[in-house]
Amino acid sequence: MTDLGLVASSCGGLDLRFTAELAKPAAARGWRLAVTLTPTAHRWLDTTGGLAELQATTDLPVRSASRLPGEPRPHPDPRVFLFAPASANSIAKLALGIADNQALTLLGDVLGAPGITIVVAYQIQPTRAHHPAWQRHLDTLAGAGVRLHQLDPSRPWSEPLDLLPAP
């Protein structure tokens, strides 16, 4: 079984769609999920009761915090990552190299590395596209080899799974 680094930030629909439309379908395709959430995404899922259902999709712990020195590594080193949903804030931080939480540290450590596949499926407000820095952030990520996909609220969140290599 091949490991998939499944990363999520807090976006509308996370509590209802992340496990049902991303985690479970990815596991059904044969991926072993190494899930890392931003702290806010973790809090959302914990508050809405979705964390236990997400945890049931993997034999690895669902992470949101970094480990302490001397603690064992809770996840393997995946060669494939899916960051979905990715918020505009997380896209900007990733493009700028800001790693202020475990999810962005994980992705920042492998961004642009040879042999690593990263798919980023983002969800933004339509007005965000007009921000002068937005396109530069997307261009930076694409220039690093990231496959980008904009999530459409009216379409299944499972669509970016088709951008991943076969497990």
N, C-alpha and C. Protein backbone atom coordinates (compact mmCIF):
# COMPACT_ATOMS: atom_id res chain seq x y z
N MET A 1 0.85 -1.17 0.00
CA MET A 1 0.00 0.00 0.00
C MET A 1 0.90 1.24 0.00
N THR A 2 0.56 2.21 -0.82
CA THR A 2 1.35 3.43 -0.95
C THR A 2 0.79 4.52 -0.05
N ASP A 3 1.68 5.27 0.59
CA ASP A 3 1.27 6.33 1.50
C ASP A 3 0.93 7.61 0.74
N LEU A 4 -0.14 8.25 1.17
CA LEU A 4 -0.56 9.55 0.64
C LEU A 4 -0.57 10.53 1.80
N GLY A 5 0.20 11.60 1.68
CA GLY A 5 0.13 12.68 2.65
C GLY A 5 -1.10 13.51 2.33
N LEU A 6 -2.14 13.34 3.10
CA LEU A 6 -3.39 14.07 2.89
C LEU A 6 -3.43 15.22 3.89
N VAL A 7 -3.43 16.44 3.37
CA VAL A 7 -3.33 17.65 4.18
C VAL A 7 -4.56 18.50 3.94
N ALA A 8 -5.07 19.15 5.00
CA ALA A 8 -6.25 20.00 4.84
C ALA A 8 -6.14 21.24 5.71
N SER A 9 -6.69 22.32 5.19
CA SER A 9 -6.83 23.54 5.99
C SER A 9 -8.32 23.81 6.15
N SER A 10 -8.65 24.83 6.91
CA SER A 10 -10.05 25.11 7.21
C SER A 10 -10.70 25.89 6.07
N CYS A 11 -11.65 25.25 5.43
CA CYS A 11 -12.44 25.85 4.36
C CYS A 11 -13.88 25.39 4.55
N GLY A 12 -14.80 26.17 4.03
CA GLY A 12 -16.20 25.79 4.11
C GLY A 12 -16.43 24.41 3.51
N GLY A 13 -17.16 23.57 4.23
CA GLY A 13 -17.43 22.22 3.77
C GLY A 13 -16.49 21.18 4.34
N LEU A 14 -15.42 21.61 5.00
CA LEU A 14 -14.44 20.67 5.55
C LEU A 14 -15.13 19.63 6.43
N ASP A 15 -16.01 20.08 7.30
CA ASP A 15 -16.65 19.18 8.26
C ASP A 15 -17.56 18.16 7.60
N LEU A 16 -18.13 18.48 6.45
CA LEU A 16 -19.05 17.57 5.77
C LEU A 16 -18.43 16.81 4.60
N ARG A 17 -17.43 17.39 3.96
CA ARG A 17 -16.96 16.83 2.70
C ARG A 17 -15.58 16.17 2.75
N PHE A 18 -14.71 16.58 3.67
CA PHE A 18 -13.33 16.11 3.65
C PHE A 18 -13.24 14.59 3.78
N THR A 19 -13.86 14.04 4.80
CA THR A 19 -13.78 12.59 5.00
C THR A 19 -14.56 11.85 3.93
N ALA A 20 -15.78 12.30 3.66
CA ALA A 20 -16.65 11.60 2.71
C ALA A 20 -16.15 11.66 1.28
N GLU A 21 -15.62 12.81 0.86
CA GLU A 21 -15.28 12.99 -0.55
C GLU A 21 -13.79 12.96 -0.87
N LEU A 22 -12.95 12.95 0.15
CA LEU A 22 -11.51 12.87 -0.09
C LEU A 22 -10.87 11.69 0.62
N ALA A 23 -10.99 11.64 1.93
CA ALA A 23 -10.29 10.59 2.70
C ALA A 23 -10.81 9.19 2.34
N LYS A 24 -12.10 8.98 2.43
CA LYS A 24 -12.64 7.64 2.13
C LYS A 24 -12.39 7.23 0.68
N PRO A 25 -12.65 8.09 -0.31
CA PRO A 25 -12.35 7.68 -1.68
C PRO A 25 -10.85 7.42 -1.93
N ALA A 26 -9.98 8.20 -1.28
CA ALA A 26 -8.54 7.95 -1.45
C ALA A 26 -8.17 6.59 -0.87
N ALA A 27 -8.69 6.28 0.30
CA ALA A 27 -8.42 4.97 0.90
C ALA A 27 -8.99 3.85 0.03
N ALA A 28 -10.16 4.07 -0.54
CA ALA A 28 -10.77 3.05 -1.41
C ALA A 28 -9.94 2.81 -2.68
N ARG A 29 -9.19 3.82 -3.10
CA ARG A 29 -8.32 3.67 -4.28
C ARG A 29 -7.01 2.97 -3.94
N GLY A 30 -6.78 2.68 -2.65
CA GLY A 30 -5.59 1.95 -2.27
C GLY A 30 -4.52 2.77 -1.57
N TRP A 31 -4.80 4.01 -1.24
CA TRP A 31 -3.84 4.83 -0.53
C TRP A 31 -3.91 4.57 0.97
N ARG A 32 -2.77 4.55 1.62
CA ARG A 32 -2.69 4.56 3.09
C ARG A 32 -2.53 6.03 3.47
N LEU A 33 -3.46 6.54 4.24
CA LEU A 33 -3.52 7.97 4.51
C LEU A 33 -2.67 8.39 5.70
N ALA A 34 -1.81 9.36 5.47
CA ALA A 34 -1.05 10.04 6.51
C ALA A 34 -1.64 11.45 6.57
N VAL A 35 -2.62 11.67 7.45
CA VAL A 35 -3.40 12.90 7.47
C VAL A 35 -2.77 13.92 8.40
N THR A 36 -2.61 15.14 7.87
CA THR A 36 -2.13 16.27 8.66
C THR A 36 -3.08 17.43 8.41
N LEU A 37 -3.58 18.02 9.49
CA LEU A 37 -4.52 19.12 9.42
C LEU A 37 -3.89 20.39 9.98
N THR A 38 -4.29 21.54 9.45
CA THR A 38 -3.91 22.77 10.12
C THR A 38 -4.61 22.78 11.48
N PRO A 39 -4.10 23.55 12.43
CA PRO A 39 -4.75 23.57 13.75
C PRO A 39 -6.23 23.95 13.69
N THR A 40 -6.60 24.89 12.84
CA THR A 40 -8.01 25.28 12.75
C THR A 40 -8.83 24.17 12.12
N ALA A 41 -8.32 23.51 11.11
CA ALA A 41 -9.05 22.39 10.50
C ALA A 41 -9.26 21.27 11.53
N HIS A 42 -8.25 21.00 12.33
CA HIS A 42 -8.36 19.98 13.38
C HIS A 42 -9.45 20.38 14.37
N ARG A 43 -9.44 21.64 14.77
CA ARG A 43 -10.45 22.12 15.73
C ARG A 43 -11.85 22.03 15.14
N TRP A 44 -12.00 22.37 13.86
CA TRP A 44 -13.32 22.27 13.21
C TRP A 44 -13.82 20.83 13.25
N LEU A 45 -12.97 19.89 12.83
CA LEU A 45 -13.40 18.49 12.78
C LEU A 45 -13.63 17.93 14.18
N ASP A 46 -12.84 18.34 15.12
CA ASP A 46 -13.02 17.89 16.50
C ASP A 46 -14.35 18.42 17.06
N THR A 47 -14.63 19.69 16.82
CA THR A 47 -15.85 20.32 17.34
C THR A 47 -17.11 19.74 16.70
N THR A 48 -17.04 19.43 15.43
CA THR A 48 -18.23 18.91 14.73
C THR A 48 -18.38 17.40 14.84
N GLY A 49 -17.44 16.75 15.51
CA GLY A 49 -17.52 15.31 15.70
C GLY A 49 -16.99 14.49 14.54
N GLY A 50 -16.33 15.12 13.58
CA GLY A 50 -15.85 14.40 12.41
C GLY A 50 -14.46 13.81 12.54
N LEU A 51 -13.77 14.12 13.62
CA LEU A 51 -12.40 13.64 13.77
C LEU A 51 -12.33 12.12 13.92
N ALA A 52 -13.25 11.54 14.65
CA ALA A 52 -13.26 10.08 14.84
C ALA A 52 -13.51 9.36 13.52
N GLU A 53 -14.43 9.87 12.71
CA GLU A 53 -14.70 9.25 11.42
C GLU A 53 -13.48 9.34 10.51
N LEU A 54 -12.80 10.48 10.53
CA LEU A 54 -11.58 10.63 9.74
C LEU A 54 -10.51 9.67 10.23
N GLN A 55 -10.32 9.58 11.54
CA GLN A 55 -9.31 8.69 12.10
C GLN A 55 -9.57 7.24 11.70
N ALA A 56 -10.82 6.87 11.52
CA ALA A 56 -11.17 5.50 11.14
C ALA A 56 -10.74 5.16 9.71
N THR A 57 -10.33 6.16 8.90
CA THR A 57 -9.91 5.90 7.52
C THR A 57 -8.45 5.51 7.41
N THR A 58 -7.70 5.56 8.54
CA THR A 58 -6.27 5.30 8.50
C THR A 58 -5.79 4.62 9.77
N ASP A 59 -4.69 3.90 9.64
CA ASP A 59 -4.08 3.28 10.82
C ASP A 59 -3.03 4.20 11.45
N LEU A 60 -2.84 5.36 10.88
CA LEU A 60 -1.88 6.34 11.39
C LEU A 60 -2.62 7.43 12.16
N PRO A 61 -1.96 8.10 13.10
CA PRO A 61 -2.64 9.18 13.81
C PRO A 61 -2.91 10.37 12.88
N VAL A 62 -4.01 11.05 13.13
CA VAL A 62 -4.31 12.30 12.43
C VAL A 62 -3.54 13.39 13.18
N ARG A 63 -2.67 14.08 12.46
CA ARG A 63 -1.77 15.07 13.07
C ARG A 63 -2.27 16.49 12.85
N SER A 64 -1.91 17.36 13.80
CA SER A 64 -2.07 18.79 13.59
C SER A 64 -0.96 19.56 14.31
N ALA A 65 -0.22 18.89 15.17
CA ALA A 65 0.85 19.54 15.92
C ALA A 65 2.16 18.83 15.65
N SER A 66 3.24 19.58 15.78
CA SER A 66 4.55 18.97 15.59
C SER A 66 4.88 18.10 16.79
N ARG A 67 5.78 17.17 16.56
CA ARG A 67 6.18 16.28 17.65
C ARG A 67 7.28 16.95 18.45
N LEU A 68 7.44 16.51 19.66
CA LEU A 68 8.51 17.02 20.52
C LEU A 68 9.80 16.27 20.23
N PRO A 69 10.95 16.88 20.54
CA PRO A 69 12.21 16.17 20.35
C PRO A 69 12.19 14.83 21.10
N GLY A 70 12.67 13.81 20.43
CA GLY A 70 12.72 12.49 21.04
C GLY A 70 11.47 11.66 20.82
N GLU A 71 10.37 12.28 20.41
CA GLU A 71 9.15 11.51 20.12
C GLU A 71 9.31 10.81 18.77
N PRO A 72 8.76 9.62 18.63
CA PRO A 72 8.86 8.93 17.34
C PRO A 72 8.06 9.65 16.26
N ARG A 73 8.48 9.48 15.04
CA ARG A 73 7.76 10.08 13.91
C ARG A 73 6.46 9.32 13.71
N PRO A 74 5.33 10.02 13.72
CA PRO A 74 4.04 9.33 13.62
C PRO A 74 3.64 8.93 12.21
N HIS A 75 4.29 9.50 11.21
CA HIS A 75 3.96 9.21 9.81
C HIS A 75 5.21 8.79 9.05
N PRO A 76 5.02 7.99 8.01
CA PRO A 76 6.12 7.71 7.09
C PRO A 76 6.38 8.95 6.22
N ASP A 77 7.32 8.87 5.31
CA ASP A 77 7.61 9.97 4.39
C ASP A 77 6.94 9.68 3.04
N PRO A 78 5.71 10.18 2.83
CA PRO A 78 5.05 9.93 1.55
C PRO A 78 5.80 10.60 0.40
N ARG A 79 5.64 10.05 -0.78
CA ARG A 79 6.19 10.65 -2.00
C ARG A 79 5.10 11.38 -2.77
N VAL A 80 3.85 11.24 -2.29
CA VAL A 80 2.69 11.87 -2.93
C VAL A 80 1.88 12.59 -1.86
N PHE A 81 1.47 13.84 -2.17
CA PHE A 81 0.69 14.65 -1.25
C PHE A 81 -0.51 15.25 -1.95
N LEU A 82 -1.61 15.32 -1.23
CA LEU A 82 -2.79 16.04 -1.69
C LEU A 82 -3.16 17.03 -0.59
N PHE A 83 -3.12 18.30 -0.91
CA PHE A 83 -3.51 19.36 0.02
C PHE A 83 -4.88 19.85 -0.42
N ALA A 84 -5.90 19.40 0.29
CA ALA A 84 -7.27 19.75 -0.09
C ALA A 84 -8.20 19.59 1.11
N PRO A 85 -9.02 20.55 1.40
CA PRO A 85 -9.06 21.85 0.75
C PRO A 85 -7.93 22.74 1.27
N ALA A 86 -7.40 23.53 0.38
CA ALA A 86 -6.38 24.52 0.73
C ALA A 86 -7.03 25.89 0.67
N SER A 87 -6.90 26.62 1.76
CA SER A 87 -7.46 27.97 1.81
C SER A 87 -6.52 28.96 1.11
N ALA A 88 -7.04 30.14 0.81
CA ALA A 88 -6.21 31.19 0.21
C ALA A 88 -5.05 31.54 1.14
N ASN A 89 -5.31 31.58 2.42
CA ASN A 89 -4.27 31.87 3.39
C ASN A 89 -3.16 30.82 3.35
N SER A 90 -3.54 29.56 3.31
CA SER A 90 -2.54 28.49 3.27
C SER A 90 -1.78 28.47 1.95
N ILE A 91 -2.45 28.78 0.86
CA ILE A 91 -1.78 28.87 -0.45
C ILE A 91 -0.71 29.95 -0.40
N ALA A 92 -1.07 31.12 0.13
CA ALA A 92 -0.12 32.23 0.21
C ALA A 92 1.08 31.84 1.07
N LYS A 93 0.82 31.25 2.22
CA LYS A 93 1.92 30.86 3.11
C LYS A 93 2.82 29.82 2.46
N LEU A 94 2.23 28.82 1.82
CA LEU A 94 3.03 27.78 1.18
C LEU A 94 3.90 28.37 0.07
N ALA A 95 3.32 29.25 -0.74
CA ALA A 95 4.07 29.87 -1.83
C ALA A 95 5.20 30.75 -1.31
N LEU A 96 5.01 31.36 -0.15
CA LEU A 96 6.02 32.25 0.42
C LEU A 96 7.00 31.52 1.34
N GLY A 97 6.77 30.24 1.59
CA GLY A 97 7.67 29.48 2.45
C GLY A 97 7.41 29.68 3.93
N ILE A 98 6.23 30.15 4.28
CA ILE A 98 5.89 30.35 5.69
C ILE A 98 5.35 29.03 6.25
N ALA A 99 6.03 28.53 7.25
CA ALA A 99 5.67 27.22 7.83
C ALA A 99 5.32 27.41 9.29
N ASP A 100 4.16 28.00 9.55
CA ASP A 100 3.79 28.31 10.93
C ASP A 100 2.86 27.28 11.57
N ASN A 101 2.69 26.15 10.91
CA ASN A 101 1.96 25.03 11.51
C ASN A 101 2.49 23.74 10.90
N GLN A 102 2.12 22.61 11.48
CA GLN A 102 2.67 21.32 11.05
C GLN A 102 2.33 21.01 9.59
N ALA A 103 1.11 21.34 9.17
CA ALA A 103 0.69 21.05 7.79
C ALA A 103 1.58 21.79 6.78
N LEU A 104 1.82 23.08 7.02
CA LEU A 104 2.65 23.85 6.09
C LEU A 104 4.12 23.49 6.21
N THR A 105 4.57 23.11 7.39
CA THR A 105 5.95 22.63 7.54
C THR A 105 6.15 21.37 6.71
N LEU A 106 5.22 20.44 6.81
CA LEU A 106 5.30 19.19 6.06
C LEU A 106 5.40 19.46 4.57
N LEU A 107 4.50 20.27 4.04
CA LEU A 107 4.50 20.55 2.60
C LEU A 107 5.70 21.41 2.19
N GLY A 108 6.06 22.37 3.02
CA GLY A 108 7.20 23.22 2.70
C GLY A 108 8.50 22.46 2.64
N ASP A 109 8.61 21.41 3.43
CA ASP A 109 9.82 20.60 3.43
C ASP A 109 10.00 19.79 2.15
N VAL A 110 8.93 19.51 1.42
CA VAL A 110 9.02 18.69 0.22
C VAL A 110 8.71 19.45 -1.07
N LEU A 111 8.27 20.69 -0.96
CA LEU A 111 7.91 21.48 -2.14
C LEU A 111 9.11 21.62 -3.07
N GLY A 112 8.95 21.21 -4.31
CA GLY A 112 10.00 21.30 -5.29
C GLY A 112 11.02 20.18 -5.26
N ALA A 113 10.89 19.25 -4.32
CA ALA A 113 11.85 18.15 -4.21
C ALA A 113 11.65 17.16 -5.36
N PRO A 114 12.74 16.65 -5.93
CA PRO A 114 12.61 15.66 -7.01
C PRO A 114 11.90 14.40 -6.52
N GLY A 115 11.05 13.86 -7.37
CA GLY A 115 10.37 12.61 -7.06
C GLY A 115 9.16 12.75 -6.15
N ILE A 116 8.80 13.97 -5.78
CA ILE A 116 7.65 14.22 -4.92
C ILE A 116 6.52 14.80 -5.77
N THR A 117 5.34 14.24 -5.62
CA THR A 117 4.15 14.77 -6.30
C THR A 117 3.30 15.51 -5.27
N ILE A 118 2.93 16.74 -5.59
CA ILE A 118 2.02 17.52 -4.75
C ILE A 118 0.88 18.02 -5.61
N VAL A 119 -0.33 17.72 -5.17
CA VAL A 119 -1.54 18.28 -5.78
C VAL A 119 -2.15 19.20 -4.73
N VAL A 120 -2.46 20.41 -5.12
CA VAL A 120 -3.12 21.37 -4.23
C VAL A 120 -4.47 21.71 -4.84
N ALA A 121 -5.52 21.37 -4.11
CA ALA A 121 -6.89 21.69 -4.53
C ALA A 121 -7.40 22.77 -3.57
N TYR A 122 -7.59 23.94 -4.11
CA TYR A 122 -7.90 25.08 -3.26
C TYR A 122 -9.36 25.51 -3.42
N GLN A 123 -9.81 26.16 -2.36
CA GLN A 123 -11.17 26.70 -2.36
C GLN A 123 -11.05 28.15 -1.90
N ILE A 124 -11.50 29.06 -2.75
CA ILE A 124 -11.38 30.49 -2.43
C ILE A 124 -12.68 31.21 -2.74
N GLN A 125 -12.82 32.37 -2.15
CA GLN A 125 -13.92 33.26 -2.52
C GLN A 125 -13.62 33.80 -3.92
N PRO A 126 -14.63 33.96 -4.78
CA PRO A 126 -14.38 34.44 -6.14
C PRO A 126 -13.62 35.77 -6.19
N THR A 127 -13.82 36.62 -5.22
CA THR A 127 -13.14 37.92 -5.23
C THR A 127 -11.64 37.79 -4.97
N ARG A 128 -11.18 36.69 -4.39
CA ARG A 128 -9.76 36.49 -4.09
C ARG A 128 -8.91 36.53 -5.35
N ALA A 129 -9.46 36.07 -6.45
CA ALA A 129 -8.71 36.04 -7.71
C ALA A 129 -8.26 37.43 -8.16
N HIS A 130 -8.89 38.47 -7.64
CA HIS A 130 -8.53 39.85 -8.02
C HIS A 130 -7.39 40.41 -7.18
N HIS A 131 -7.02 39.73 -6.12
CA HIS A 131 -5.92 40.22 -5.28
C HIS A 131 -4.64 40.20 -6.10
N PRO A 132 -3.84 41.26 -6.07
CA PRO A 132 -2.65 41.32 -6.93
C PRO A 132 -1.62 40.22 -6.68
N ALA A 133 -1.58 39.63 -5.49
CA ALA A 133 -0.59 38.60 -5.21
C ALA A 133 -1.10 37.19 -5.52
N TRP A 134 -2.40 37.02 -5.69
CA TRP A 134 -2.97 35.68 -5.82
C TRP A 134 -2.35 34.89 -6.98
N GLN A 135 -2.33 35.45 -8.17
CA GLN A 135 -1.81 34.72 -9.32
C GLN A 135 -0.33 34.40 -9.15
N ARG A 136 0.41 35.30 -8.51
CA ARG A 136 1.85 35.03 -8.26
C ARG A 136 2.01 33.83 -7.35
N HIS A 137 1.13 33.70 -6.35
CA HIS A 137 1.21 32.53 -5.46
C HIS A 137 0.98 31.24 -6.25
N LEU A 138 -0.05 31.25 -7.09
CA LEU A 138 -0.33 30.06 -7.90
C LEU A 138 0.82 29.77 -8.86
N ASP A 139 1.38 30.81 -9.47
CA ASP A 139 2.50 30.64 -10.40
C ASP A 139 3.73 30.08 -9.68
N THR A 140 3.98 30.54 -8.46
CA THR A 140 5.10 30.02 -7.68
C THR A 140 4.95 28.53 -7.43
N LEU A 141 3.75 28.14 -7.01
CA LEU A 141 3.52 26.71 -6.74
C LEU A 141 3.61 25.89 -8.02
N ALA A 142 3.00 26.38 -9.10
CA ALA A 142 3.08 25.65 -10.38
C ALA A 142 4.53 25.54 -10.85
N GLY A 143 5.32 26.59 -10.64
CA GLY A 143 6.72 26.58 -11.01
C GLY A 143 7.54 25.57 -10.22
N ALA A 144 7.04 25.20 -9.05
CA ALA A 144 7.69 24.18 -8.23
C ALA A 144 7.18 22.78 -8.55
N GLY A 145 6.32 22.68 -9.57
CA GLY A 145 5.83 21.38 -9.99
C GLY A 145 4.51 20.96 -9.36
N VAL A 146 3.89 21.85 -8.59
CA VAL A 146 2.61 21.52 -7.95
C VAL A 146 1.51 21.49 -9.00
N ARG A 147 0.67 20.47 -8.91
CA ARG A 147 -0.52 20.38 -9.77
C ARG A 147 -1.66 21.09 -9.03
N LEU A 148 -2.24 22.09 -9.67
CA LEU A 148 -3.27 22.91 -9.04
C LEU A 148 -4.66 22.58 -9.56
N HIS A 149 -5.63 22.65 -8.66
CA HIS A 149 -7.03 22.39 -9.01
C HIS A 149 -7.90 23.28 -8.13
N GLN A 150 -8.80 24.02 -8.73
CA GLN A 150 -9.73 24.83 -7.94
C GLN A 150 -10.98 24.00 -7.66
N LEU A 151 -11.27 23.84 -6.37
CA LEU A 151 -12.48 23.12 -5.98
C LEU A 151 -13.70 23.98 -6.30
N ASP A 152 -14.72 23.35 -6.83
CA ASP A 152 -15.98 24.01 -7.14
C ASP A 152 -17.01 23.47 -6.15
N PRO A 153 -17.64 24.36 -5.37
CA PRO A 153 -18.60 23.88 -4.36
C PRO A 153 -19.73 23.01 -4.91
N SER A 154 -20.01 23.13 -6.19
CA SER A 154 -21.10 22.34 -6.78
C SER A 154 -20.62 21.01 -7.36
N ARG A 155 -19.32 20.74 -7.28
CA ARG A 155 -18.76 19.51 -7.83
C ARG A 155 -18.11 18.69 -6.71
N PRO A 156 -17.93 17.39 -6.92
CA PRO A 156 -17.34 16.54 -5.88
C PRO A 156 -15.90 16.94 -5.56
N TRP A 157 -15.58 16.91 -4.28
CA TRP A 157 -14.21 17.19 -3.86
C TRP A 157 -13.27 16.06 -4.24
N SER A 158 -13.79 14.95 -4.68
CA SER A 158 -12.94 13.81 -5.06
C SER A 158 -12.23 14.04 -6.40
N GLU A 159 -12.59 15.07 -7.14
CA GLU A 159 -11.97 15.32 -8.45
C GLU A 159 -10.45 15.39 -8.40
N PRO A 160 -9.82 16.06 -7.43
CA PRO A 160 -8.35 16.11 -7.44
C PRO A 160 -7.67 14.78 -7.23
N LEU A 161 -8.39 13.77 -6.77
CA LEU A 161 -7.78 12.44 -6.66
C LEU A 161 -7.36 11.92 -8.03
N ASP A 162 -8.02 12.37 -9.09
CA ASP A 162 -7.66 11.96 -10.44
C ASP A 162 -6.33 12.56 -10.91
N LEU A 163 -5.83 13.57 -10.19
CA LEU A 163 -4.55 14.18 -10.53
C LEU A 163 -3.37 13.47 -9.88
N LEU A 164 -3.67 12.53 -9.00
CA LEU A 164 -2.61 11.77 -8.32
C LEU A 164 -2.18 10.59 -9.19
N PRO A 165 -0.93 10.15 -9.05
CA PRO A 165 -0.54 8.92 -9.72
C PRO A 165 -1.28 7.74 -9.08
N ALA A 166 -1.29 6.63 -9.73
CA ALA A 166 -1.91 5.44 -9.15
C ALA A 166 -1.10 5.00 -7.93
N PRO A 167 -1.80 4.55 -6.87
CA PRO A 167 -1.06 4.09 -5.67
C PRO A 167 -0.28 2.82 -5.94
